[in-house]
PDB file of N, CA and C in Angstrom:
ATOM      1  N   MET A   1      17.452  65.335  55.668  1.00  0.00           N
ATOM      2  CA  MET A   1      16.699  64.213  55.152  1.00  0.00           C
ATOM      3  C   MET A   1      17.536  63.398  54.165  1.00  0.00           C
ATOM      4  N   LYS A   2      18.356  64.112  53.377  1.00  0.00           N
ATOM      5  CA  LYS A   2      19.204  63.399  52.418  1.00  0.00           C
ATOM      6  C   LYS A   2      20.235  62.533  53.132  1.00  0.00           C
ATOM      7  N   VAL A   3      20.703  63.013  54.278  1.00  0.00           N
ATOM      8  CA  VAL A   3      21.701  62.254  55.038  1.00  0.00           C
ATOM      9  C   VAL A   3      21.088  60.944  55.529  1.00  0.00           C
ATOM     10  N   ILE A   4      19.840  61.012  55.985  1.00  0.00           N
ATOM     11  CA  ILE A   4      19.164  59.797  56.463  1.00  0.00           C
ATOM     12  C   ILE A   4      18.973  58.814  55.310  1.00  0.00           C
ATOM     13  N   ALA A   5      18.611  59.336  54.129  1.00  0.00           N
ATOM     14  CA  ALA A   5      18.435  58.460  52.968  1.00  0.00           C
ATOM     15  C   ALA A   5      19.751  57.781  52.601  1.00  0.00           C
ATOM     16  N   TRP A   6      20.847  58.533  52.621  1.00  0.00           N
ATOM     17  CA  TRP A   6      22.136  57.929  52.299  1.00  0.00           C
ATOM     18  C   TRP A   6      22.579  56.932  53.362  1.00  0.00           C
ATOM     19  N   LEU A   7      22.264  57.197  54.621  1.00  0.00           N
ATOM     20  CA  LEU A   7      22.598  56.237  55.679  1.00  0.00           C
ATOM     21  C   LEU A   7      21.795  54.943  55.504  1.00  0.00           C
ATOM     22  N   LEU A   8      20.535  55.058  55.135  1.00  0.00           N
ATOM     23  CA  LEU A   8      19.728  53.858  54.880  1.00  0.00           C
ATOM     24  C   LEU A   8      20.268  53.073  53.690  1.00  0.00           C
ATOM     25  N   ARG A   9      20.686  53.774  52.641  1.00  0.00           N
ATOM     26  CA  ARG A   9      21.277  53.095  51.484  1.00  0.00           C
ATOM     27  C   ARG A   9      22.560  52.371  51.882  1.00  0.00           C
ATOM     28  N   LEU A  10      23.395  53.034  52.667  1.00  0.00           N
ATOM     29  CA  LEU A  10      24.640  52.421  53.126  1.00  0.00           C
ATOM     30  C   LEU A  10      24.345  51.196  53.981  1.00  0.00           C
ATOM     31  N   LEU A  11      23.378  51.303  54.863  1.00  0.00           N
ATOM     32  CA  LEU A  11      23.001  50.176  55.711  1.00  0.00           C
ATOM     33  C   LEU A  11      22.502  49.001  54.865  1.00  0.00           C
ATOM     34  N   PHE A  12      21.661  49.290  53.863  1.00  0.00           N
ATOM     35  CA  PHE A  12      21.160  48.234  52.988  1.00  0.00           C
ATOM     36  C   PHE A  12      22.308  47.585  52.212  1.00  0.00           C
ATOM     37  N   PHE A  13      23.240  48.397  51.694  1.00  0.00           N
ATOM     38  CA  PHE A  13      24.393  47.857  50.966  1.00  0.00           C
ATOM     39  C   PHE A  13      25.230  46.963  51.861  1.00  0.00           C
ATOM     40  N   LEU A  14      25.494  47.411  53.069  1.00  0.00           N
ATOM     41  CA  LEU A  14      26.304  46.603  53.993  1.00  0.00           C
ATOM     42  C   LEU A  14      25.598  45.303  54.361  1.00  0.00           C
ATOM     43  N   LEU A  15      24.271  45.353  54.498  1.00  0.00           N
ATOM     44  CA  LEU A  15      23.512  44.148  54.800  1.00  0.00           C
ATOM     45  C   LEU A  15      23.586  43.151  53.645  1.00  0.00           C
ATOM     46  N   VAL A  16      23.444  43.634  52.416  1.00  0.00           N
ATOM     47  CA  VAL A  16      23.536  42.756  51.247  1.00  0.00           C
ATOM     48  C   VAL A  16      24.957  42.213  51.103  1.00  0.00           C
ATOM     49  N   LEU A  17      25.958  43.049  51.350  1.00  0.00           N
ATOM     50  CA  LEU A  17      27.349  42.589  51.284  1.00  0.00           C
ATOM     51  C   LEU A  17      27.613  41.508  52.324  1.00  0.00           C
ATOM     52  N   TRP A  18      27.143  41.719  53.541  1.00  0.00           N
ATOM     53  CA  TRP A  18      27.314  40.711  54.593  1.00  0.00           C
ATOM     54  C   TRP A  18      26.627  39.403  54.197  1.00  0.00           C
ATOM     55  N   PHE A  19      25.410  39.496  53.656  1.00  0.00           N
ATOM     56  CA  PHE A  19      24.672  38.315  53.222  1.00  0.00           C
ATOM     57  C   PHE A  19      25.423  37.586  52.116  1.00  0.00           C
ATOM     58  N   ALA A  20      25.999  38.342  51.177  1.00  0.00           N
ATOM     59  CA  ALA A  20      26.737  37.723  50.075  1.00  0.00           C
ATOM     60  C   ALA A  20      27.994  37.029  50.586  1.00  0.00           C
ATOM     61  N   LEU A  21      28.684  37.655  51.515  1.00  0.00           N
ATOM     62  CA  LEU A  21      29.908  37.046  52.042  1.00  0.00           C
ATOM     63  C   LEU A  21      29.624  35.795  52.868  1.00  0.00           C
ATOM     64  N   LYS A  22      28.454  35.720  53.489  1.00  0.00           N
ATOM     65  CA  LYS A  22      28.102  34.539  54.285  1.00  0.00           C
ATOM     66  C   LYS A  22      27.617  33.384  53.416  1.00  0.00           C
ATOM     67  N   ASN A  23      27.270  33.644  52.152  1.00  0.00           N
ATOM     68  CA  ASN A  23      26.714  32.605  51.284  1.00  0.00           C
ATOM     69  C   ASN A  23      27.620  32.352  50.078  1.00  0.00           C
ATOM     70  N   THR A  24      28.880  32.117  50.356  1.00  0.00           N
ATOM     71  CA  THR A  24      29.834  31.842  49.279  1.00  0.00           C
ATOM     72  C   THR A  24      30.090  30.353  49.099  1.00  0.00           C
ATOM     73  N   THR A  25      29.352  29.519  49.777  1.00  0.00           N
ATOM     74  CA  THR A  25      29.536  28.076  49.677  1.00  0.00           C
ATOM     75  C   THR A  25      29.302  27.619  48.238  1.00  0.00           C
ATOM     76  N   PRO A  26      30.258  26.859  47.677  1.00  0.00           N
ATOM     77  CA  PRO A  26      30.058  26.367  46.313  1.00  0.00           C
ATOM     78  C   PRO A  26      28.962  25.300  46.266  1.00  0.00           C
ATOM     79  N   VAL A  27      28.094  25.438  45.284  1.00  0.00           N
ATOM     80  CA  VAL A  27      27.004  24.477  45.111  1.00  0.00           C
ATOM     81  C   VAL A  27      26.975  24.033  43.658  1.00  0.00           C
ATOM     82  N   PRO A  28      26.520  22.812  43.406  1.00  0.00           N
ATOM     83  CA  PRO A  28      26.357  22.388  42.007  1.00  0.00           C
ATOM     84  C   PRO A  28      25.020  22.911  41.460  1.00  0.00           C
ATOM     85  N   VAL A  29      25.048  23.369  40.239  1.00  0.00           N
ATOM     86  CA  VAL A  29      23.827  23.830  39.567  1.00  0.00           C
ATOM     87  C   VAL A  29      23.542  22.850  38.450  1.00  0.00           C
ATOM     88  N   ARG A  30      22.409  22.164  38.548  1.00  0.00           N
ATOM     89  CA  ARG A  30      22.029  21.172  37.553  1.00  0.00           C
ATOM     90  C   ARG A  30      20.875  21.711  36.714  1.00  0.00           C
ATOM     91  N   ILE A  31      21.178  22.054  35.475  1.00  0.00           N
ATOM     92  CA  ILE A  31      20.149  22.523  34.547  1.00  0.00           C
ATOM     93  C   ILE A  31      19.398  21.309  33.996  1.00  0.00           C
ATOM     94  N   THR A  32      20.134  20.351  33.483  1.00  0.00           N
ATOM     95  CA  THR A  32      19.580  19.069  33.026  1.00  0.00           C
ATOM     96  C   THR A  32      20.485  17.984  33.593  1.00  0.00           C
ATOM     97  N   GLU A  33      20.256  16.744  33.160  1.00  0.00           N
ATOM     98  CA  GLU A  33      21.116  15.664  33.644  1.00  0.00           C
ATOM     99  C   GLU A  33      22.538  15.803  33.129  1.00  0.00           C
ATOM    100  N   ARG A  34      22.679  16.366  31.933  1.00  0.00           N
ATOM    101  CA  ARG A  34      24.014  16.479  31.342  1.00  0.00           C
ATOM    102  C   ARG A  34      24.662  17.834  31.567  1.00  0.00           C
ATOM    103  N   ILE A  35      23.863  18.854  31.775  1.00  0.00           N
ATOM    104  CA  ILE A  35      24.426  20.188  31.990  1.00  0.00           C
ATOM    105  C   ILE A  35      24.491  20.445  33.491  1.00  0.00           C
ATOM    106  N   VAL A  36      25.708  20.399  34.020  1.00  0.00           N
ATOM    107  CA  VAL A  36      25.931  20.601  35.453  1.00  0.00           C
ATOM    108  C   VAL A  36      27.109  21.539  35.622  1.00  0.00           C
ATOM    109  N   TRP A  37      26.926  22.567  36.448  1.00  0.00           N
ATOM    110  CA  TRP A  37      28.033  23.462  36.794  1.00  0.00           C
ATOM    111  C   TRP A  37      28.384  23.207  38.247  1.00  0.00           C
ATOM    112  N   ASP A  38      29.601  22.794  38.473  1.00  0.00           N
ATOM    113  CA  ASP A  38      30.049  22.545  39.839  1.00  0.00           C
ATOM    114  C   ASP A  38      30.767  23.774  40.379  1.00  0.00           C
ATOM    115  N   GLY A  39      30.617  23.998  41.667  1.00  0.00           N
ATOM    116  CA  GLY A  39      31.382  25.042  42.338  1.00  0.00           C
ATOM    117  C   GLY A  39      30.882  26.456  42.119  1.00  0.00           C
ATOM    118  N   VAL A  40      29.609  26.634  41.823  1.00  0.00           N
ATOM    119  CA  VAL A  40      29.052  27.990  41.669  1.00  0.00           C
ATOM    120  C   VAL A  40      28.711  28.514  43.062  1.00  0.00           C
ATOM    121  N   PRO A  41      29.162  29.720  43.416  1.00  0.00           N
ATOM    122  CA  PRO A  41      28.820  30.257  44.742  1.00  0.00           C
ATOM    123  C   PRO A  41      27.305  30.408  44.906  1.00  0.00           C
ATOM    124  N   LEU A  42      26.834  30.089  46.101  1.00  0.00           N
ATOM    125  CA  LEU A  42      25.407  30.120  46.376  1.00  0.00           C
ATOM    126  C   LEU A  42      24.808  31.499  46.131  1.00  0.00           C
ATOM    127  N   ILE A  43      25.534  32.562  46.459  1.00  0.00           N
ATOM    128  CA  ILE A  43      25.004  33.911  46.271  1.00  0.00           C
ATOM    129  C   ILE A  43      24.784  34.217  44.788  1.00  0.00           C
ATOM    130  N   VAL A  44      25.621  33.664  43.925  1.00  0.00           N
ATOM    131  CA  VAL A  44      25.446  33.877  42.482  1.00  0.00           C
ATOM    132  C   VAL A  44      24.155  33.213  42.018  1.00  0.00           C
ATOM    133  N   VAL A  45      23.896  32.014  42.536  1.00  0.00           N
ATOM    134  CA  VAL A  45      22.672  31.306  42.186  1.00  0.00           C
ATOM    135  C   VAL A  45      21.454  32.090  42.689  1.00  0.00           C
ATOM    136  N   MET A  46      21.532  32.591  43.913  1.00  0.00           N
ATOM    137  CA  MET A  46      20.418  33.341  44.482  1.00  0.00           C
ATOM    138  C   MET A  46      20.171  34.639  43.711  1.00  0.00           C
ATOM    139  N   LEU A  47      21.218  35.365  43.382  1.00  0.00           N
ATOM    140  CA  LEU A  47      21.062  36.614  42.636  1.00  0.00           C
ATOM    141  C   LEU A  47      20.563  36.357  41.212  1.00  0.00           C
ATOM    142  N   ALA A  48      20.998  35.253  40.612  1.00  0.00           N
ATOM    143  CA  ALA A  48      20.504  34.902  39.277  1.00  0.00           C
ATOM    144  C   ALA A  48      19.008  34.600  39.320  1.00  0.00           C
ATOM    145  N   CYS A  49      18.577  33.882  40.348  1.00  0.00           N
ATOM    146  CA  CYS A  49      17.149  33.599  40.494  1.00  0.00           C
ATOM    147  C   CYS A  49      16.353  34.877  40.727  1.00  0.00           C
ATOM    148  N   LEU A  50      16.897  35.793  41.506  1.00  0.00           N
ATOM    149  CA  LEU A  50      16.243  37.076  41.730  1.00  0.00           C
ATOM    150  C   LEU A  50      16.123  37.867  40.430  1.00  0.00           C
ATOM    151  N   LEU A  51      17.183  37.884  39.652  1.00  0.00           N
ATOM    152  CA  LEU A  51      17.182  38.597  38.371  1.00  0.00           C
ATOM    153  C   LEU A  51      16.190  37.970  37.393  1.00  0.00           C
ATOM    154  N   ILE A  52      16.169  36.651  37.321  1.00  0.00           N
ATOM    155  CA  ILE A  52      15.227  35.969  36.429  1.00  0.00           C
ATOM    156  C   ILE A  52      13.786  36.248  36.857  1.00  0.00           C
ATOM    157  N   GLY A  53      13.534  36.268  38.148  1.00  0.00           N
ATOM    158  CA  GLY A  53      12.191  36.589  38.643  1.00  0.00           C
ATOM    159  C   GLY A  53      11.782  38.016  38.315  1.00  0.00           C
ATOM    160  N   ALA A  54      12.709  38.962  38.454  1.00  0.00           N
ATOM    161  CA  ALA A  54      12.401  40.358  38.129  1.00  0.00           C
ATOM    162  C   ALA A  54      12.127  40.522  36.638  1.00  0.00           C
ATOM    163  N   LEU A  55      12.904  39.834  35.801  1.00  0.00           N
ATOM    164  CA  LEU A  55      12.676  39.907  34.361  1.00  0.00           C
ATOM    165  C   LEU A  55      11.341  39.269  33.980  1.00  0.00           C
ATOM    166  N   ALA A  56      10.982  38.170  34.628  1.00  0.00           N
ATOM    167  CA  ALA A  56       9.699  37.530  34.354  1.00  0.00           C
ATOM    168  C   ALA A  56       8.543  38.436  34.774  1.00  0.00           C
ATOM    169  N   MET A  57       8.694  39.120  35.902  1.00  0.00           N
ATOM    170  CA  MET A  57       7.666  40.048  36.349  1.00  0.00           C
ATOM    171  C   MET A  57       7.521  41.209  35.371  1.00  0.00           C
ATOM    172  N   ALA A  58       8.633  41.756  34.907  1.00  0.00           N
ATOM    173  CA  ALA A  58       8.588  42.861  33.948  1.00  0.00           C
ATOM    174  C   ALA A  58       7.947  42.415  32.638  1.00  0.00           C
ATOM    175  N   ALA A  59       8.260  41.209  32.202  1.00  0.00           N
ATOM    176  CA  ALA A  59       7.661  40.698  30.968  1.00  0.00           C
ATOM    177  C   ALA A  59       6.158  40.467  31.140  1.00  0.00           C
ATOM    178  N   ALA A  60       5.735  40.061  32.324  1.00  0.00           N
ATOM    179  CA  ALA A  60       4.311  39.846  32.568  1.00  0.00           C
ATOM    180  C   ALA A  60       3.550  41.169  32.645  1.00  0.00           C
ATOM    181  N   LEU A  61       4.189  42.221  33.156  1.00  0.00           N
ATOM    182  CA  LEU A  61       3.523  43.517  33.289  1.00  0.00           C
ATOM    183  C   LEU A  61       3.607  44.370  32.036  1.00  0.00           C
ATOM    184  N   ALA A  62       4.514  44.074  31.138  1.00  0.00           N
ATOM    185  CA  ALA A  62       4.741  44.922  29.966  1.00  0.00           C
ATOM    186  C   ALA A  62       3.492  45.121  29.106  1.00  0.00           C
ATOM    187  N   PRO A  63       2.726  44.080  28.769  1.00  0.00           N
ATOM    188  CA  PRO A  63       1.540  44.327  27.937  1.00  0.00           C
ATOM    189  C   PRO A  63       0.533  45.268  28.586  1.00  0.00           C
ATOM    190  N   ARG A  64       0.292  45.109  29.867  1.00  0.00           N
ATOM    191  CA  ARG A  64      -0.662  45.986  30.559  1.00  0.00           C
ATOM    192  C   ARG A  64      -0.141  47.414  30.614  1.00  0.00           C
ATOM    193  N   LEU A  65       1.143  47.587  30.892  1.00  0.00           N
ATOM    194  CA  LEU A  65       1.706  48.937  30.940  1.00  0.00           C
ATOM    195  C   LEU A  65       1.644  49.613  29.577  1.00  0.00           C
ATOM    196  N   MET A  66       1.912  48.865  28.520  1.00  0.00           N
ATOM    197  CA  MET A  66       1.846  49.441  27.179  1.00  0.00           C
ATOM    198  C   MET A  66       0.404  49.814  26.829  1.00  0.00           C
ATOM    199  N   ARG A  67      -0.559  48.986  27.209  1.00  0.00           N
ATOM    200  CA  ARG A  67      -1.964  49.280  26.940  1.00  0.00           C
ATOM    201  C   ARG A  67      -2.396  50.541  27.696  1.00  0.00           C
ATOM    202  N   LEU A  68      -1.976  50.676  28.952  1.00  0.00           N
ATOM    203  CA  LEU A  68      -2.308  51.863  29.726  1.00  0.00           C
ATOM    204  C   LEU A  68      -1.646  53.110  29.149  1.00  0.00           C
ATOM    205  N   ARG A  69      -0.416  52.971  28.677  1.00  0.00           N
ATOM    206  CA  ARG A  69       0.275  54.107  28.073  1.00  0.00           C
ATOM    207  C   ARG A  69      -0.431  54.556  26.791  1.00  0.00           C
ATOM    208  N   ARG A  70      -0.837  53.597  25.958  1.00  0.00           N
ATOM    209  CA  ARG A  70      -1.573  53.957  24.730  1.00  0.00           C
ATOM    210  C   ARG A  70      -2.898  54.629  25.063  1.00  0.00           C
ATOM    211  N   GLN A  71      -3.590  54.128  26.087  1.00  0.00           N
ATOM    212  CA  GLN A  71      -4.858  54.723  26.489  1.00  0.00           C
ATOM    213  C   GLN A  71      -4.650  56.148  26.999  1.00  0.00           C
ATOM    214  N   ALA A  72      -3.595  56.376  27.767  1.00  0.00           N
ATOM    215  CA  ALA A  72      -3.310  57.723  28.266  1.00  0.00           C
ATOM    216  C   ALA A  72      -2.969  58.666  27.111  1.00  0.00           C
ATOM    217  N   GLN A  73      -2.198  58.200  26.142  1.00  0.00           N
ATOM    218  CA  GLN A  73      -1.869  59.041  24.988  1.00  0.00           C
ATOM    219  C   GLN A  73      -3.116  59.349  24.171  1.00  0.00           C
ATOM    220  N   ARG A  74      -3.989  58.366  24.008  1.00  0.00           N
ATOM    221  CA  ARG A  74      -5.223  58.578  23.251  1.00  0.00           C
ATOM    222  C   ARG A  74      -6.112  59.594  23.973  1.00  0.00           C
ATOM    223  N   THR A  75      -6.198  59.493  25.296  1.00  0.00           N
ATOM    224  CA  THR A  75      -6.988  60.439  26.071  1.00  0.00           C
ATOM    225  C   THR A  75      -6.392  61.834  25.987  1.00  0.00           C
ATOM    226  N   GLN A  76      -5.065  61.925  26.066  1.00  0.00           N
ATOM    227  CA  GLN A  76      -4.397  63.222  25.970  1.00  0.00           C
ATOM    228  C   GLN A  76      -4.647  63.846  24.601  1.00  0.00           C
ATOM    229  N   ARG A  77      -4.589  63.039  23.542  1.00  0.00           N
ATOM    230  CA  ARG A  77      -4.861  63.547  22.194  1.00  0.00           C
ATOM    231  C   ARG A  77      -6.291  64.046  22.083  1.00  0.00           C
ATOM    232  N   THR A  78      -7.228  63.303  22.668  1.00  0.00           N
ATOM    233  CA  THR A  78      -8.633  63.691  22.616  1.00  0.00           C
ATOM    234  C   THR A  78      -8.855  65.015  23.346  1.00  0.00           C
ATOM    235  N   VAL A  79      -8.217  65.167  24.485  1.00  0.00           N
ATOM    236  CA  VAL A  79      -8.368  66.396  25.261  1.00  0.00           C
ATOM    237  C   VAL A  79      -7.746  67.572  24.527  1.00  0.00           C
ATOM    238  N   SER A  80      -6.586  67.375  23.933  1.00  0.00           N
ATOM    239  CA  SER A  80      -5.900  68.495  23.288  1.00  0.00           C
ATOM    240  C   SER A  80      -6.545  68.889  21.969  1.00  0.00           C
ATOM    241  N   THR A  81      -7.211  67.946  21.280  1.00  0.00           N
ATOM    242  CA  THR A  81      -7.822  68.280  19.997  1.00  0.00           C
ATOM    243  C   THR A  81      -9.302  68.604  20.120  1.00  0.00           C
ATOM    244  N   ALA A  82      -9.875  68.467  21.298  1.00  0.00           N
ATOM    245  CA  ALA A  82     -11.291  68.766  21.476  1.00  0.00           C
ATOM    246  C   ALA A  82     -11.519  70.251  21.251  1.00  0.00           C
ATOM    247  N   ALA A  83     -12.579  70.570  20.549  1.00  0.00           N
ATOM    248  CA  ALA A  83     -12.903  71.968  20.282  1.00  0.00           C
ATOM    249  C   ALA A  83     -13.353  72.624  21.582  1.00  0.00           C
ATOM    250  N   PRO A  84     -12.844  73.794  21.864  1.00  0.00           N
ATOM    251  CA  PRO A  84     -13.267  74.457  23.093  1.00  0.00           C
ATOM    252  C   PRO A  84     -14.739  74.867  22.982  1.00  0.00           C
ATOM    253  N   THR A  85     -15.416  74.798  24.089  1.00  0.00           N
ATOM    254  CA  THR A  85     -16.826  75.186  24.084  1.00  0.00           C
ATOM    255  C   THR A  85     -16.923  76.679  23.869  1.00  0.00           C
ATOM    256  N   THR A  86     -17.985  77.095  23.249  1.00  0.00           N
ATOM    257  CA  THR A  86     -18.147  78.518  22.969  1.00  0.00           C
ATOM    258  C   THR A  86     -18.653  79.205  24.212  1.00  0.00           C
ATOM    259  N   MET A  87     -17.759  79.893  24.880  1.00  0.00           N
ATOM    260  CA  MET A  87     -18.102  80.659  26.060  1.00  0.00           C
ATOM    261  C   MET A  87     -17.827  82.114  25.756  1.00  0.00           C
ATOM    262  N   PRO A  88     -18.667  82.986  26.201  1.00  0.00           N
ATOM    263  CA  PRO A  88     -18.390  84.398  25.969  1.00  0.00           C
ATOM    264  C   PRO A  88     -17.127  84.814  26.688  1.00  0.00           C
ATOM    265  N   SER A  89     -16.409  85.698  26.083  1.00  0.00           N
ATOM    266  CA  SER A  89     -15.170  86.153  26.707  1.00  0.00           C
ATOM    267  C   SER A  89     -15.516  87.136  27.806  1.00  0.00           C
ATOM    268  N   ALA A  90     -15.861  86.575  28.935  1.00  0.00           N
ATOM    269  CA  ALA A  90     -16.253  87.384  30.077  1.00  0.00           C
ATOM    270  C   ALA A  90     -15.285  87.128  31.214  1.00  0.00           C
ATOM    271  N   THR A  91     -15.467  87.813  32.271  1.00  0.00           N
ATOM    272  CA  THR A  91     -14.602  87.629  33.427  1.00  0.00           C
ATOM    273  C   THR A  91     -14.947  86.314  34.103  1.00  0.00           C
ATOM    274  N   THR A  92     -14.112  85.905  35.009  1.00  0.00           N
ATOM    275  CA  THR A  92     -14.303  84.629  35.687  1.00  0.00           C
ATOM    276  C   THR A  92     -15.625  84.553  36.445  1.00  0.00           C
ATOM    277  N   PRO A  93     -16.029  85.577  37.205  1.00  0.00           N
ATOM    278  CA  PRO A  93     -17.339  85.468  37.878  1.00  0.00           C
ATOM    279  C   PRO A  93     -18.480  85.335  36.887  1.00  0.00           C
ATOM    280  N   ASP A  94     -18.393  85.996  35.717  1.00  0.00           N
ATOM    281  CA  ASP A  94     -19.445  85.847  34.715  1.00  0.00           C
ATOM    282  C   ASP A  94     -19.479  84.417  34.187  1.00  0.00           C
ATOM    283  N   ARG A  95     -18.326  83.798  33.997  1.00  0.00           N
ATOM    284  CA  ARG A  95     -18.283  82.413  33.530  1.00  0.00           C
ATOM    285  C   ARG A  95     -18.903  81.481  34.555  1.00  0.00           C
ATOM    286  N   LEU A  96     -18.607  81.744  35.830  1.00  0.00           N
ATOM    287  CA  LEU A  96     -19.189  80.910  36.885  1.00  0.00           C
ATOM    288  C   LEU A  96     -20.696  81.082  36.940  1.00  0.00           C
ATOM    289  N   ALA A  97     -21.179  82.306  36.790  1.00  0.00           N
ATOM    290  CA  ALA A  97     -22.621  82.543  36.805  1.00  0.00           C
ATOM    291  C   ALA A  97     -23.272  81.882  35.603  1.00  0.00           C
ATOM    292  N   ASP A  98     -22.637  81.980  34.436  1.00  0.00           N
ATOM    293  CA  ASP A  98     -23.181  81.334  33.249  1.00  0.00           C
ATOM    294  C   ASP A  98     -23.232  79.821  33.430  1.00  0.00           C
ATOM    295  N   ALA A  99     -22.178  79.257  34.008  1.00  0.00           N
ATOM    296  CA  ALA A  99     -22.158  77.814  34.234  1.00  0.00           C
ATOM    297  C   ALA A  99     -23.244  77.405  35.217  1.00  0.00           C
ATOM    298  N   ALA A 100     -23.425  78.204  36.279  1.00  0.00           N
ATOM    299  CA  ALA A 100     -24.470  77.889  37.260  1.00  0.00           C
ATOM    300  C   ALA A 100     -25.844  78.002  36.626  1.00  0.00           C
ATOM    301  N   ARG A 101     -26.040  79.001  35.781  1.00  0.00           N
ATOM    302  CA  ARG A 101     -27.324  79.173  35.112  1.00  0.00           C
ATOM    303  C   ARG A 101     -27.588  78.002  34.168  1.00  0.00           C
ATOM    304  N   ASN A 102     -26.564  77.584  33.437  1.00  0.00           N
ATOM    305  CA  ASN A 102     -26.728  76.472  32.506  1.00  0.00           C
ATOM    306  C   ASN A 102     -27.031  75.164  33.224  1.00  0.00           C
ATOM    307  N   MET A 103     -26.501  75.001  34.420  1.00  0.00           N
ATOM    308  CA  MET A 103     -26.739  73.784  35.179  1.00  0.00           C
ATOM    309  C   MET A 103     -28.081  73.821  35.903  1.00  0.00           C
ATOM    310  N   GLY A 104     -28.733  74.979  35.892  1.00  0.00           N
ATOM    311  CA  GLY A 104     -30.014  75.097  36.573  1.00  0.00           C
ATOM    312  C   GLY A 104     -29.867  75.291  38.054  1.00  0.00           C
ATOM    313  N   ALA A 105     -28.686  75.686  38.493  1.00  0.00           N
ATOM    314  CA  ALA A 105     -28.451  75.850  39.918  1.00  0.00           C
ATOM    315  C   ALA A 105     -29.076  77.138  40.438  1.00  0.00           C
ATOM    316  N   VAL A 106     -29.194  78.131  39.583  1.00  0.00           N
ATOM    317  CA  VAL A 106     -29.760  79.412  40.013  1.00  0.00           C
ATOM    318  C   VAL A 106     -30.788  79.860  38.985  1.00  0.00           C
ATOM    319  N   GLY A 107     -31.631  80.760  39.418  1.00  0.00           N
ATOM    320  CA  GLY A 107     -32.627  81.323  38.506  1.00  0.00           C
ATOM    321  C   GLY A 107     -31.983  82.393  37.648  1.00  0.00           C
ATOM    322  N   GLN A 108     -32.771  83.305  37.204  1.00  0.00           N
ATOM    323  CA  GLN A 108     -32.269  84.383  36.360  1.00  0.00           C
ATOM    324  C   GLN A 108     -31.385  85.316  37.185  1.00  0.00           C
ATOM    325  N   LEU A 109     -30.196  85.561  36.696  1.00  0.00           N
ATOM    326  CA  LEU A 109     -29.297  86.495  37.336  1.00  0.00           C
ATOM    327  C   LEU A 109     -29.363  87.805  36.561  1.00  0.00           C
ATOM    328  N   ASP A 110     -29.585  88.843  37.259  1.00  0.00           N
ATOM    329  CA  ASP A 110     -29.641  90.144  36.614  1.00  0.00           C
ATOM    330  C   ASP A 110     -28.234  90.654  36.377  1.00  0.00           C
ATOM    331  N   THR A 111     -28.162  91.660  35.554  1.00  0.00           N
ATOM    332  CA  THR A 111     -26.835  92.204  35.239  1.00  0.00           C
ATOM    333  C   THR A 111     -26.218  92.887  36.444  1.00  0.00           C
ATOM    334  N   ASP A 112     -27.034  93.339  37.396  1.00  0.00           N
ATOM    335  CA  ASP A 112     -26.453  93.997  38.580  1.00  0.00           C
ATOM    336  C   ASP A 112     -25.805  92.998  39.531  1.00  0.00           C
ATOM    337  N   THR A 113     -26.080  91.717  39.386  1.00  0.00           N
ATOM    338  CA  THR A 113     -25.457  90.716  40.248  1.00  0.00           C
ATOM    339  C   THR A 113     -24.124  90.238  39.711  1.00  0.00           C
ATOM    340  N   ARG A 114     -23.802  90.591  38.472  1.00  0.00           N
ATOM    341  CA  ARG A 114     -22.524  90.185  37.883  1.00  0.00           C
ATOM    342  C   ARG A 114     -21.431  91.057  38.428  1.00  0.00           C
ATOM    343  N   MET A 115     -20.311  90.433  38.712  1.00  0.00           N
ATOM    344  CA  MET A 115     -19.169  91.174  39.225  1.00  0.00           C
ATOM    345  C   MET A 115     -18.249  91.509  38.080  1.00  0.00           C
ATOM    346  N   SER A 116     -17.677  92.635  38.121  1.00  0.00           N
ATOM    347  CA  SER A 116     -16.700  92.999  37.089  1.00  0.00           C
ATOM    348  C   SER A 116     -15.359  93.188  37.755  1.00  0.00           C
ATOM    349  N   LEU A 117     -14.347  92.750  37.076  1.00  0.00           N
ATOM    350  CA  LEU A 117     -12.984  92.862  37.626  1.00  0.00           C
ATOM    351  C   LEU A 117     -12.225  93.974  36.987  1.00  0.00           C
TER     352      LEU A 117
END
């Protein structure tokens, strides 16, 4: 499986390299009327636009990601500091029976129905 992943990476790299070599035509880049760069390769302009778009996307998502991270940390803190419920130190089947009894799922369970491990 790793070999297939590396072959796909190599194929993608070769495709991008081929695309870059085919788009080396010099183009003028006009920022304003006075700021003009002549002879910039087209692939540089395209990659710069891609990079600027990725940075803009990351900047747009950053506030939401930070808010979600804070919410997850707050939830984790709440879970870790919550006082454990007082359950008798019984075996697992006894805990399940107690939980079922508390939920009203079953009637009175006698002591002979409890399993001991």
